[in-house]
Amino acid sequence: MEQARAELASRAVAQRTEVDDLADEIKKAESDVALVRSRRARDQQRLDSGAVGSAKDLEALQREVVSLDRRIATLEDAELEVMERLEVAQAEQQQLDKELDRIDAEMATVGESLDQQLGAIATEVAVVGTERQQAADLLPGDLLALYERVRAQHGGVGAGALRQRRCEACRLELNAADLRELAGLPADEVMRCPECNRLLVRTAESGL
């Protein structure tokens, strides 16, 4: 979700940049139109005032007014095209912003759930840790030391139940010869898995 949000946010930034660029382009187009309109209004005022004396100058001024009218039309068409592009870009930006709001709300919900689950796990770990310490206190010191040493050698798992002739630590099934040897050990002797060397815990389903 964080990766999806980062990608979405990047797209939103690019879209806002496009919107800003188009808005600037419209401002420039409006300024250009205003300048040409101002020039056209001055020329029209000169025509209307009769201040132009010669027929040649009058004809030139009239041609300029016509040219300015065409220029205004061209600029206005260009401005309209940019405004349409801006409208589309703004709609896309609004959609991206909605998507960001949606994913932010979803992430907040997931984050709250995650915090609750982590809190529950932390509580469970504390309870299990207490139970483990209480159980460890009941074990002989040499057996506990052996278990801790084997556990360190095997990635944190130092013992496994022997159930239905299978070591639950390494998940391997013991052969008949190994089972006979284990069955012949005294009940108080520590059994070791012949496959992984972890401690074996006798159960009612050991198959010995």
N, C-alpha and C. Protein backbone atom coordinates (compact mmCIF):
# COMPACT_ATOMS: atom_id res chain seq x y z
N MET A 1 0.82 -1.20 0.00
CA MET A 1 0.00 0.00 0.00
C MET A 1 0.87 1.26 0.00
N GLU A 2 1.98 1.20 0.75
CA GLU A 2 2.87 2.37 0.77
C GLU A 2 3.48 2.60 -0.61
N GLN A 3 3.84 1.51 -1.28
CA GLN A 3 4.41 1.64 -2.63
C GLN A 3 3.37 2.19 -3.59
N ALA A 4 2.14 1.69 -3.50
CA ALA A 4 1.07 2.18 -4.37
C ALA A 4 0.80 3.65 -4.10
N ARG A 5 0.83 4.05 -2.83
CA ARG A 5 0.58 5.46 -2.50
C ARG A 5 1.71 6.35 -3.02
N ALA A 6 2.95 5.86 -2.90
CA ALA A 6 4.09 6.65 -3.39
C ALA A 6 3.98 6.88 -4.90
N GLU A 7 3.59 5.83 -5.63
CA GLU A 7 3.43 5.96 -7.07
C GLU A 7 2.29 6.92 -7.40
N LEU A 8 1.20 6.81 -6.64
CA LEU A 8 0.04 7.68 -6.86
C LEU A 8 0.39 9.13 -6.54
N ALA A 9 1.14 9.33 -5.46
CA ALA A 9 1.53 10.68 -5.08
C ALA A 9 2.44 11.30 -6.13
N SER A 10 3.32 10.48 -6.71
CA SER A 10 4.20 10.98 -7.77
C SER A 10 3.38 11.42 -8.98
N ARG A 11 2.39 10.63 -9.33
CA ARG A 11 1.51 11.00 -10.45
C ARG A 11 0.74 12.27 -10.14
N ALA A 12 0.30 12.42 -8.89
CA ALA A 12 -0.45 13.60 -8.49
C ALA A 12 0.41 14.86 -8.58
N VAL A 13 1.68 14.75 -8.18
CA VAL A 13 2.59 15.89 -8.27
C VAL A 13 2.78 16.30 -9.73
N ALA A 14 2.99 15.30 -10.60
CA ALA A 14 3.16 15.59 -12.02
C ALA A 14 1.90 16.23 -12.60
N GLN A 15 0.74 15.75 -12.14
CA GLN A 15 -0.52 16.30 -12.65
C GLN A 15 -0.72 17.73 -12.18
N ARG A 16 -0.40 18.01 -10.93
CA ARG A 16 -0.52 19.38 -10.42
C ARG A 16 0.42 20.32 -11.16
N THR A 17 1.61 19.81 -11.50
CA THR A 17 2.56 20.61 -12.27
C THR A 17 1.98 20.95 -13.63
N GLU A 18 1.34 19.96 -14.27
CA GLU A 18 0.72 20.21 -15.57
C GLU A 18 -0.40 21.24 -15.46
N VAL A 19 -1.21 21.12 -14.41
CA VAL A 19 -2.30 22.09 -14.19
C VAL A 19 -1.73 23.49 -14.02
N ASP A 20 -0.68 23.62 -13.21
CA ASP A 20 -0.07 24.94 -12.99
C ASP A 20 0.50 25.50 -14.28
N ASP A 21 1.15 24.64 -15.07
CA ASP A 21 1.73 25.10 -16.34
C ASP A 21 0.63 25.58 -17.29
N LEU A 22 -0.47 24.85 -17.35
CA LEU A 22 -1.57 25.26 -18.23
C LEU A 22 -2.21 26.56 -17.74
N ALA A 23 -2.32 26.71 -16.42
CA ALA A 23 -2.87 27.95 -15.87
C ALA A 23 -1.98 29.14 -16.24
N ASP A 24 -0.67 28.94 -16.16
CA ASP A 24 0.27 30.00 -16.55
C ASP A 24 0.13 30.31 -18.05
N GLU A 25 -0.06 29.25 -18.84
CA GLU A 25 -0.21 29.44 -20.28
C GLU A 25 -1.47 30.26 -20.60
N ILE A 26 -2.54 30.01 -19.84
CA ILE A 26 -3.77 30.77 -20.05
C ILE A 26 -3.58 32.23 -19.68
N LYS A 27 -2.87 32.48 -18.58
CA LYS A 27 -2.61 33.86 -18.18
C LYS A 27 -1.84 34.60 -19.27
N LYS A 28 -0.86 33.93 -19.86
CA LYS A 28 -0.08 34.55 -20.93
C LYS A 28 -0.97 34.81 -22.15
N ALA A 29 -1.83 33.83 -22.48
CA ALA A 29 -2.73 34.00 -23.62
C ALA A 29 -3.68 35.18 -23.38
N GLU A 30 -4.20 35.29 -22.17
CA GLU A 30 -5.09 36.41 -21.84
C GLU A 30 -4.36 37.74 -21.96
N SER A 31 -3.10 37.75 -21.52
CA SER A 31 -2.31 38.97 -21.62
C SER A 31 -2.07 39.35 -23.08
N ASP A 32 -1.77 38.32 -23.92
CA ASP A 32 -1.54 38.59 -25.35
C ASP A 32 -2.80 39.14 -26.00
N VAL A 33 -3.95 38.55 -25.68
CA VAL A 33 -5.22 39.02 -26.26
C VAL A 33 -5.50 40.45 -25.82
N ALA A 34 -5.24 40.74 -24.54
CA ALA A 34 -5.49 42.08 -24.02
C ALA A 34 -4.62 43.12 -24.74
N LEU A 35 -3.36 42.76 -25.02
CA LEU A 35 -2.48 43.69 -25.72
C LEU A 35 -2.98 43.98 -27.14
N VAL A 36 -3.38 42.92 -27.85
CA VAL A 36 -3.84 43.09 -29.22
C VAL A 36 -5.16 43.87 -29.23
N ARG A 37 -6.04 43.56 -28.27
CA ARG A 37 -7.31 44.28 -28.19
C ARG A 37 -7.08 45.78 -27.93
N SER A 38 -6.08 46.05 -27.07
CA SER A 38 -5.78 47.44 -26.77
C SER A 38 -5.28 48.17 -28.02
N ARG A 39 -4.41 47.48 -28.76
CA ARG A 39 -3.91 48.07 -30.01
C ARG A 39 -5.06 48.28 -31.00
N ARG A 40 -5.94 47.30 -31.08
CA ARG A 40 -7.06 47.40 -32.01
C ARG A 40 -8.01 48.54 -31.62
N ALA A 41 -8.24 48.71 -30.31
CA ALA A 41 -9.12 49.78 -29.84
C ALA A 41 -8.52 51.15 -30.18
N ARG A 42 -7.19 51.29 -30.05
CA ARG A 42 -6.56 52.56 -30.39
C ARG A 42 -6.70 52.87 -31.88
N ASP A 43 -6.49 51.83 -32.72
CA ASP A 43 -6.62 52.04 -34.16
C ASP A 43 -8.05 52.40 -34.53
N GLN A 44 -9.00 51.74 -33.89
CA GLN A 44 -10.40 52.03 -34.19
C GLN A 44 -10.76 53.46 -33.77
N GLN A 45 -10.19 53.86 -32.64
CA GLN A 45 -10.44 55.23 -32.17
C GLN A 45 -9.89 56.25 -33.16
N ARG A 46 -8.73 55.98 -33.75
CA ARG A 46 -8.16 56.89 -34.74
C ARG A 46 -9.04 56.94 -35.99
N LEU A 47 -9.56 55.74 -36.36
CA LEU A 47 -10.46 55.72 -37.52
C LEU A 47 -11.73 56.51 -37.25
N ASP A 48 -12.29 56.32 -36.09
CA ASP A 48 -13.56 56.98 -35.76
C ASP A 48 -13.40 58.48 -35.57
N SER A 49 -12.21 58.90 -35.15
CA SER A 49 -12.01 60.33 -34.88
C SER A 49 -11.78 61.15 -36.14
N GLY A 50 -11.45 60.47 -37.25
CA GLY A 50 -11.16 61.18 -38.48
C GLY A 50 -9.82 61.88 -38.47
N ALA A 51 -8.94 61.47 -37.55
CA ALA A 51 -7.64 62.12 -37.44
C ALA A 51 -6.69 61.73 -38.56
N VAL A 52 -6.98 60.62 -39.24
CA VAL A 52 -6.11 60.19 -40.33
C VAL A 52 -6.50 60.97 -41.58
N GLY A 53 -5.55 61.74 -42.11
CA GLY A 53 -5.86 62.65 -43.21
C GLY A 53 -5.81 62.01 -44.58
N SER A 54 -4.72 61.33 -44.90
CA SER A 54 -4.54 60.82 -46.25
C SER A 54 -5.28 59.51 -46.46
N ALA A 55 -5.70 59.29 -47.69
CA ALA A 55 -6.40 58.06 -48.03
C ALA A 55 -5.48 56.86 -47.87
N LYS A 56 -4.19 57.05 -48.17
CA LYS A 56 -3.22 55.96 -48.06
C LYS A 56 -3.07 55.51 -46.60
N ASP A 57 -2.93 56.49 -45.70
CA ASP A 57 -2.80 56.16 -44.27
C ASP A 57 -4.09 55.52 -43.75
N LEU A 58 -5.23 56.02 -44.24
CA LEU A 58 -6.51 55.47 -43.80
C LEU A 58 -6.65 54.01 -44.23
N GLU A 59 -6.25 53.73 -45.47
CA GLU A 59 -6.33 52.36 -45.97
C GLU A 59 -5.40 51.44 -45.21
N ALA A 60 -4.20 51.92 -44.88
CA ALA A 60 -3.24 51.12 -44.12
C ALA A 60 -3.77 50.83 -42.72
N LEU A 61 -4.42 51.84 -42.12
CA LEU A 61 -4.96 51.66 -40.77
C LEU A 61 -6.11 50.66 -40.77
N GLN A 62 -6.92 50.72 -41.82
CA GLN A 62 -8.03 49.77 -41.93
C GLN A 62 -7.52 48.35 -42.09
N ARG A 63 -6.45 48.19 -42.90
CA ARG A 63 -5.86 46.86 -43.07
C ARG A 63 -5.30 46.33 -41.75
N GLU A 64 -4.73 47.23 -40.99
CA GLU A 64 -4.17 46.82 -39.70
C GLU A 64 -5.27 46.37 -38.75
N VAL A 65 -6.41 47.07 -38.77
CA VAL A 65 -7.54 46.69 -37.91
C VAL A 65 -8.02 45.29 -38.28
N VAL A 66 -8.14 45.03 -39.57
CA VAL A 66 -8.56 43.69 -40.03
C VAL A 66 -7.55 42.64 -39.58
N SER A 67 -6.26 42.96 -39.72
CA SER A 67 -5.22 42.02 -39.31
C SER A 67 -5.27 41.76 -37.81
N LEU A 68 -5.52 42.83 -37.05
CA LEU A 68 -5.62 42.67 -35.59
C LEU A 68 -6.83 41.82 -35.21
N ASP A 69 -7.93 41.97 -35.93
CA ASP A 69 -9.12 41.15 -35.68
C ASP A 69 -8.79 39.66 -35.88
N ARG A 70 -8.05 39.37 -36.98
CA ARG A 70 -7.66 37.98 -37.22
C ARG A 70 -6.73 37.47 -36.12
N ARG A 71 -5.81 38.34 -35.70
CA ARG A 71 -4.88 37.96 -34.64
C ARG A 71 -5.63 37.68 -33.34
N ILE A 72 -6.61 38.51 -33.02
CA ILE A 72 -7.41 38.30 -31.81
C ILE A 72 -8.14 36.96 -31.88
N ALA A 73 -8.74 36.66 -33.05
CA ALA A 73 -9.47 35.40 -33.22
C ALA A 73 -8.54 34.21 -33.04
N THR A 74 -7.32 34.31 -33.59
CA THR A 74 -6.35 33.22 -33.47
C THR A 74 -5.94 33.00 -32.02
N LEU A 75 -5.68 34.12 -31.34
CA LEU A 75 -5.27 34.03 -29.94
C LEU A 75 -6.39 33.47 -29.07
N GLU A 76 -7.60 33.87 -29.34
CA GLU A 76 -8.74 33.39 -28.55
C GLU A 76 -8.97 31.90 -28.79
N ASP A 77 -8.79 31.45 -30.03
CA ASP A 77 -8.92 30.02 -30.32
C ASP A 77 -7.86 29.22 -29.55
N ALA A 78 -6.64 29.75 -29.55
CA ALA A 78 -5.56 29.07 -28.83
C ALA A 78 -5.85 29.06 -27.33
N GLU A 79 -6.36 30.18 -26.82
CA GLU A 79 -6.69 30.26 -25.40
C GLU A 79 -7.79 29.26 -25.05
N LEU A 80 -8.79 29.13 -25.90
CA LEU A 80 -9.88 28.18 -25.67
C LEU A 80 -9.35 26.74 -25.63
N GLU A 81 -8.42 26.43 -26.54
CA GLU A 81 -7.86 25.08 -26.57
C GLU A 81 -7.10 24.78 -25.29
N VAL A 82 -6.36 25.76 -24.79
CA VAL A 82 -5.63 25.57 -23.54
C VAL A 82 -6.60 25.42 -22.37
N MET A 83 -7.69 26.19 -22.38
CA MET A 83 -8.68 26.09 -21.32
C MET A 83 -9.32 24.71 -21.29
N GLU A 84 -9.56 24.15 -22.46
CA GLU A 84 -10.13 22.79 -22.51
C GLU A 84 -9.14 21.77 -21.96
N ARG A 85 -7.86 21.93 -22.31
CA ARG A 85 -6.84 21.03 -21.77
C ARG A 85 -6.73 21.18 -20.25
N LEU A 86 -6.85 22.42 -19.77
CA LEU A 86 -6.79 22.67 -18.34
C LEU A 86 -7.96 21.99 -17.63
N GLU A 87 -9.13 22.05 -18.23
CA GLU A 87 -10.30 21.42 -17.62
C GLU A 87 -10.10 19.91 -17.48
N VAL A 88 -9.55 19.30 -18.52
CA VAL A 88 -9.28 17.86 -18.47
C VAL A 88 -8.23 17.56 -17.41
N ALA A 89 -7.16 18.35 -17.37
CA ALA A 89 -6.08 18.13 -16.40
C ALA A 89 -6.58 18.31 -14.97
N GLN A 90 -7.44 19.29 -14.74
CA GLN A 90 -7.99 19.51 -13.40
C GLN A 90 -8.87 18.34 -12.98
N ALA A 91 -9.64 17.80 -13.92
CA ALA A 91 -10.48 16.64 -13.61
C ALA A 91 -9.61 15.45 -13.22
N GLU A 92 -8.51 15.24 -13.95
CA GLU A 92 -7.59 14.14 -13.63
C GLU A 92 -6.93 14.36 -12.28
N GLN A 93 -6.59 15.63 -11.99
CA GLN A 93 -5.98 15.93 -10.69
C GLN A 93 -6.96 15.65 -9.56
N GLN A 94 -8.22 16.04 -9.74
CA GLN A 94 -9.23 15.78 -8.71
C GLN A 94 -9.39 14.28 -8.47
N GLN A 95 -9.36 13.50 -9.56
CA GLN A 95 -9.48 12.05 -9.42
C GLN A 95 -8.30 11.46 -8.66
N LEU A 96 -7.10 11.95 -8.97
CA LEU A 96 -5.92 11.47 -8.26
C LEU A 96 -5.97 11.85 -6.79
N ASP A 97 -6.44 13.07 -6.50
CA ASP A 97 -6.57 13.50 -5.10
C ASP A 97 -7.57 12.62 -4.35
N LYS A 98 -8.66 12.24 -5.02
CA LYS A 98 -9.64 11.35 -4.39
C LYS A 98 -9.02 9.98 -4.11
N GLU A 99 -8.23 9.50 -5.07
CA GLU A 99 -7.56 8.22 -4.88
C GLU A 99 -6.58 8.28 -3.71
N LEU A 100 -5.87 9.41 -3.60
CA LEU A 100 -4.95 9.57 -2.47
C LEU A 100 -5.71 9.59 -1.14
N ASP A 101 -6.83 10.30 -1.10
CA ASP A 101 -7.63 10.33 0.11
C ASP A 101 -8.12 8.92 0.47
N ARG A 102 -8.53 8.16 -0.57
CA ARG A 102 -9.05 6.81 -0.33
C ARG A 102 -7.95 5.91 0.24
N ILE A 103 -6.77 5.94 -0.39
CA ILE A 103 -5.71 5.05 0.06
C ILE A 103 -5.17 5.49 1.42
N ASP A 104 -5.20 6.81 1.71
CA ASP A 104 -4.78 7.28 3.03
C ASP A 104 -5.73 6.76 4.11
N ALA A 105 -7.03 6.81 3.81
CA ALA A 105 -8.01 6.30 4.77
C ALA A 105 -7.84 4.80 4.97
N GLU A 106 -7.60 4.08 3.87
CA GLU A 106 -7.42 2.63 3.96
C GLU A 106 -6.16 2.30 4.74
N MET A 107 -5.08 3.06 4.49
CA MET A 107 -3.84 2.81 5.22
C MET A 107 -4.00 3.11 6.70
N ALA A 108 -4.80 4.14 7.03
CA ALA A 108 -5.03 4.46 8.43
C ALA A 108 -5.77 3.31 9.12
N THR A 109 -6.76 2.74 8.42
CA THR A 109 -7.51 1.62 8.98
C THR A 109 -6.61 0.40 9.18
N VAL A 110 -5.81 0.10 8.15
CA VAL A 110 -4.89 -1.03 8.24
C VAL A 110 -3.85 -0.79 9.34
N GLY A 111 -3.36 0.45 9.43
CA GLY A 111 -2.37 0.77 10.45
C GLY A 111 -2.93 0.59 11.85
N GLU A 112 -4.20 1.00 12.05
CA GLU A 112 -4.83 0.84 13.35
C GLU A 112 -4.98 -0.64 13.69
N SER A 113 -5.40 -1.42 12.69
CA SER A 113 -5.55 -2.87 12.90
C SER A 113 -4.19 -3.51 13.21
N LEU A 114 -3.16 -3.06 12.48
CA LEU A 114 -1.82 -3.59 12.70
C LEU A 114 -1.33 -3.28 14.10
N ASP A 115 -1.57 -2.05 14.56
CA ASP A 115 -1.16 -1.68 15.92
C ASP A 115 -1.85 -2.56 16.95
N GLN A 116 -3.15 -2.83 16.74
CA GLN A 116 -3.89 -3.67 17.67
C GLN A 116 -3.33 -5.09 17.69
N GLN A 117 -3.03 -5.61 16.49
CA GLN A 117 -2.49 -6.97 16.41
C GLN A 117 -1.10 -7.05 17.03
N LEU A 118 -0.27 -6.02 16.77
CA LEU A 118 1.07 -6.01 17.36
C LEU A 118 0.98 -5.93 18.89
N GLY A 119 0.01 -5.15 19.36
CA GLY A 119 -0.19 -5.06 20.81
C GLY A 119 -0.58 -6.40 21.39
N ALA A 120 -1.49 -7.11 20.70
CA ALA A 120 -1.91 -8.43 21.17
C ALA A 120 -0.75 -9.41 21.15
N ILE A 121 0.07 -9.34 20.08
CA ILE A 121 1.23 -10.23 19.98
C ILE A 121 2.23 -9.94 21.10
N ALA A 122 2.45 -8.65 21.37
CA ALA A 122 3.39 -8.28 22.44
C ALA A 122 2.90 -8.82 23.78
N THR A 123 1.59 -8.75 24.01
CA THR A 123 1.02 -9.29 25.26
C THR A 123 1.22 -10.79 25.32
N GLU A 124 0.95 -11.45 24.18
CA GLU A 124 1.10 -12.91 24.12
C GLU A 124 2.56 -13.31 24.34
N VAL A 125 3.49 -12.56 23.73
CA VAL A 125 4.91 -12.85 23.90
C VAL A 125 5.31 -12.73 25.37
N ALA A 126 4.78 -11.70 26.03
CA ALA A 126 5.11 -11.51 27.45
C ALA A 126 4.59 -12.67 28.29
N VAL A 127 3.36 -13.12 27.98
CA VAL A 127 2.77 -14.23 28.73
C VAL A 127 3.57 -15.51 28.49
N VAL A 128 3.85 -15.79 27.20
CA VAL A 128 4.60 -16.99 26.87
C VAL A 128 6.01 -16.93 27.46
N GLY A 129 6.61 -15.74 27.45
CA GLY A 129 7.94 -15.60 28.04
C GLY A 129 7.95 -15.92 29.52
N THR A 130 6.90 -15.46 30.19
CA THR A 130 6.79 -15.76 31.62
C THR A 130 6.61 -17.26 31.84
N GLU A 131 5.73 -17.88 31.05
CA GLU A 131 5.49 -19.32 31.17
C GLU A 131 6.77 -20.10 30.86
N ARG A 132 7.50 -19.64 29.84
CA ARG A 132 8.74 -20.33 29.47
C ARG A 132 9.74 -20.27 30.61
N GLN A 133 9.87 -19.09 31.23
CA GLN A 133 10.82 -18.94 32.33
C GLN A 133 10.44 -19.82 33.51
N GLN A 134 9.11 -19.90 33.78
CA GLN A 134 8.65 -20.74 34.88
C GLN A 134 8.96 -22.20 34.60
N ALA A 135 8.77 -22.62 33.31
CA ALA A 135 9.08 -24.01 32.95
C ALA A 135 10.57 -24.26 33.00
N ALA A 136 11.37 -23.29 32.55
CA ALA A 136 12.83 -23.45 32.55
C ALA A 136 13.37 -23.57 33.97
N ASP A 137 12.74 -22.87 34.92
CA ASP A 137 13.21 -22.93 36.30
C ASP A 137 13.04 -24.32 36.91
N LEU A 138 12.17 -25.13 36.32
CA LEU A 138 11.92 -26.48 36.84
C LEU A 138 12.89 -27.50 36.28
N LEU A 139 13.66 -27.13 35.25
CA LEU A 139 14.56 -28.06 34.60
C LEU A 139 15.92 -28.09 35.30
N PRO A 140 16.59 -29.23 35.25
CA PRO A 140 17.96 -29.28 35.77
C PRO A 140 18.86 -28.33 34.98
N GLY A 141 19.83 -27.78 35.64
CA GLY A 141 20.69 -26.80 35.01
C GLY A 141 21.44 -27.33 33.81
N ASP A 142 21.95 -28.60 33.92
CA ASP A 142 22.71 -29.14 32.80
C ASP A 142 21.82 -29.40 31.59
N LEU A 143 20.57 -29.83 31.81
CA LEU A 143 19.64 -30.07 30.71
C LEU A 143 19.28 -28.75 30.03
N LEU A 144 19.05 -27.72 30.83
CA LEU A 144 18.71 -26.41 30.26
C LEU A 144 19.88 -25.86 29.45
N ALA A 145 21.10 -26.05 29.94
CA ALA A 145 22.28 -25.57 29.23
C ALA A 145 22.44 -26.30 27.90
N LEU A 146 22.18 -27.64 27.93
CA LEU A 146 22.26 -28.42 26.70
C LEU A 146 21.23 -27.94 25.70
N TYR A 147 20.02 -27.73 26.17
CA TYR A 147 18.95 -27.26 25.28
C TYR A 147 19.31 -25.92 24.66
N GLU A 148 19.81 -24.99 25.44
CA GLU A 148 20.15 -23.66 24.93
C GLU A 148 21.28 -23.75 23.90
N ARG A 149 22.23 -24.65 24.15
CA ARG A 149 23.34 -24.81 23.21
C ARG A 149 22.85 -25.38 21.88
N VAL A 150 21.99 -26.39 21.95
CA VAL A 150 21.45 -26.99 20.71
C VAL A 150 20.55 -25.98 19.99
N ARG A 151 19.80 -25.26 20.75
CA ARG A 151 18.90 -24.25 20.14
C ARG A 151 19.70 -23.19 19.39
N ALA A 152 20.82 -22.77 19.95
CA ALA A 152 21.67 -21.77 19.29
C ALA A 152 22.27 -22.32 17.99
N GLN A 153 22.49 -23.62 17.96
CA GLN A 153 23.10 -24.23 16.78
C GLN A 153 22.10 -24.47 15.66
N HIS A 154 20.81 -24.46 15.99
CA HIS A 154 19.78 -24.84 15.01
C HIS A 154 18.73 -23.74 14.82
N GLY A 155 19.18 -22.52 14.76
CA GLY A 155 18.27 -21.43 14.40
C GLY A 155 17.15 -21.17 15.37
N GLY A 156 17.36 -21.46 16.66
CA GLY A 156 16.35 -21.14 17.66
C GLY A 156 15.45 -22.29 18.03
N VAL A 157 15.54 -23.41 17.34
CA VAL A 157 14.72 -24.59 17.66
C VAL A 157 15.64 -25.67 18.20
N GLY A 158 15.55 -25.93 19.51
CA GLY A 158 16.47 -26.87 20.12
C GLY A 158 15.87 -28.22 20.43
N ALA A 159 14.55 -28.35 20.30
CA ALA A 159 13.90 -29.61 20.65
C ALA A 159 12.66 -29.80 19.79
N GLY A 160 12.24 -31.03 19.70
CA GLY A 160 11.03 -31.34 18.95
C GLY A 160 10.36 -32.55 19.54
N ALA A 161 9.05 -32.60 19.47
CA ALA A 161 8.31 -33.76 19.96
C ALA A 161 8.52 -34.93 19.00
N LEU A 162 8.62 -36.13 19.58
CA LEU A 162 8.67 -37.35 18.78
C LEU A 162 7.24 -37.87 18.68
N ARG A 163 6.66 -37.70 17.50
CA ARG A 163 5.26 -38.07 17.33
C ARG A 163 5.10 -38.95 16.09
N GLN A 164 4.53 -40.12 16.31
CA GLN A 164 4.32 -41.07 15.22
C GLN A 164 5.61 -41.31 14.44
N ARG A 165 6.69 -41.54 15.22
CA ARG A 165 8.01 -41.88 14.68
C ARG A 165 8.64 -40.75 13.87
N ARG A 166 8.11 -39.54 14.00
CA ARG A 166 8.64 -38.39 13.27
C ARG A 166 9.12 -37.32 14.24
N CYS A 167 10.30 -36.76 13.97
CA CYS A 167 10.81 -35.63 14.75
C CYS A 167 10.10 -34.37 14.29
N GLU A 168 9.38 -33.73 15.19
CA GLU A 168 8.62 -32.54 14.82
C GLU A 168 9.51 -31.33 14.58
N ALA A 169 10.79 -31.43 14.95
CA ALA A 169 11.72 -30.31 14.71
C ALA A 169 12.22 -30.31 13.27
N CYS A 170 12.68 -31.46 12.79
CA CYS A 170 13.21 -31.52 11.42
C CYS A 170 12.22 -32.14 10.45
N ARG A 171 11.09 -32.69 10.99
CA ARG A 171 10.00 -33.25 10.18
C ARG A 171 10.42 -34.53 9.44
N LEU A 172 11.49 -35.18 9.91
CA LEU A 172 11.93 -36.42 9.27
C LEU A 172 11.46 -37.63 10.09
N GLU A 173 11.10 -38.69 9.39
CA GLU A 173 10.66 -39.91 10.06
C GLU A 173 11.87 -40.78 10.37
N LEU A 174 11.90 -41.30 11.59
CA LEU A 174 13.02 -42.11 12.02
C LEU A 174 12.84 -43.54 11.53
N ASN A 175 13.97 -44.19 11.23
CA ASN A 175 13.87 -45.58 10.77
C ASN A 175 13.71 -46.51 11.97
N ALA A 176 13.44 -47.76 11.66
CA ALA A 176 13.13 -48.74 12.72
C ALA A 176 14.31 -48.94 13.66
N ALA A 177 15.52 -48.97 13.12
CA ALA A 177 16.70 -49.20 13.96
C ALA A 177 16.88 -48.06 14.96
N ASP A 178 16.71 -46.81 14.50
CA ASP A 178 16.84 -45.67 15.40
C ASP A 178 15.76 -45.70 16.46
N LEU A 179 14.56 -46.09 16.08
CA LEU A 179 13.47 -46.15 17.05
C LEU A 179 13.73 -47.22 18.11
N ARG A 180 14.28 -48.37 17.71
CA ARG A 180 14.59 -49.41 18.69
C ARG A 180 15.66 -48.94 19.67
N GLU A 181 16.63 -48.20 19.14
CA GLU A 181 17.69 -47.69 20.02
C GLU A 181 17.14 -46.68 21.01
N LEU A 182 16.29 -45.80 20.54
CA LEU A 182 15.68 -44.81 21.43
C LEU A 182 14.77 -45.48 22.45
N ALA A 183 14.05 -46.51 22.02
CA ALA A 183 13.13 -47.19 22.93
C ALA A 183 13.88 -47.88 24.06
N GLY A 184 15.13 -48.24 23.80
CA GLY A 184 15.91 -48.92 24.83
C GLY A 184 16.54 -48.00 25.84
N LEU A 185 16.41 -46.69 25.64
CA LEU A 185 17.01 -45.74 26.59
C LEU A 185 16.16 -45.64 27.85
N PRO A 186 16.80 -45.38 29.00
CA PRO A 186 16.03 -45.18 30.23
C PRO A 186 15.06 -43.99 30.09
N ALA A 187 13.97 -44.02 30.83
CA ALA A 187 12.93 -42.99 30.71
C ALA A 187 13.45 -41.60 31.09
N ASP A 188 14.49 -41.55 31.94
CA ASP A 188 15.00 -40.24 32.37
C ASP A 188 16.19 -39.78 31.56
N GLU A 189 16.57 -40.52 30.53
CA GLU A 189 17.71 -40.12 29.70
C GLU A 189 17.25 -39.22 28.55
N VAL A 190 18.05 -38.22 28.24
CA VAL A 190 17.70 -37.28 27.18
C VAL A 190 17.89 -37.95 25.82
N MET A 191 16.85 -37.91 24.99
CA MET A 191 16.93 -38.47 23.65
C MET A 191 17.34 -37.37 22.67
N ARG A 192 18.11 -37.78 21.66
CA ARG A 192 18.53 -36.84 20.61
C ARG A 192 18.06 -37.41 19.27
N CYS A 193 17.61 -36.53 18.39
CA CYS A 193 17.18 -36.96 17.07
C CYS A 193 18.41 -37.41 16.27
N PRO A 194 18.41 -38.62 15.73
CA PRO A 194 19.56 -39.07 14.95
C PRO A 194 19.71 -38.34 13.63
N GLU A 195 18.69 -37.59 13.21
CA GLU A 195 18.76 -36.86 11.94
C GLU A 195 19.27 -35.44 12.13
N CYS A 196 18.69 -34.72 13.10
CA CYS A 196 19.06 -33.30 13.28
C CYS A 196 19.81 -33.01 14.57
N ASN A 197 19.90 -34.01 15.47
CA ASN A 197 20.65 -33.91 16.73
C ASN A 197 19.95 -33.02 17.75
N ARG A 198 18.72 -32.61 17.48
CA ARG A 198 17.98 -31.84 18.48
C ARG A 198 17.46 -32.78 19.58
N LEU A 199 17.06 -32.19 20.69
CA LEU A 199 16.49 -32.97 21.77
C LEU A 199 15.12 -33.48 21.35
N LEU A 200 14.82 -34.71 21.72
CA LEU A 200 13.50 -35.29 21.41
C LEU A 200 12.68 -35.36 22.69
N VAL A 201 11.42 -34.97 22.58
CA VAL A 201 10.49 -35.00 23.71
C VAL A 201 9.53 -36.17 23.52
N ARG A 202 9.49 -37.08 24.48
CA ARG A 202 8.61 -38.24 24.40
C ARG A 202 7.15 -37.78 24.49
N THR A 203 6.31 -38.43 23.71
CA THR A 203 4.86 -38.18 23.77
C THR A 203 4.15 -39.52 23.75
N ALA A 204 2.84 -39.49 23.99
CA ALA A 204 2.05 -40.73 23.96
C ALA A 204 1.99 -41.30 22.56
N GLU A 205 2.33 -40.45 21.56
CA GLU A 205 2.26 -40.89 20.17
C GLU A 205 3.66 -41.07 19.57
N SER A 206 4.65 -41.27 20.41
CA SER A 206 6.02 -41.37 19.91
C SER A 206 6.24 -42.60 19.05
N GLY A 207 5.52 -43.67 19.35
CA GLY A 207 5.69 -44.90 18.57
C GLY A 207 6.83 -45.76 19.06
N LEU A 208 7.29 -45.51 20.29
CA LEU A 208 8.38 -46.29 20.85
C LEU A 208 7.83 -47.56 21.51
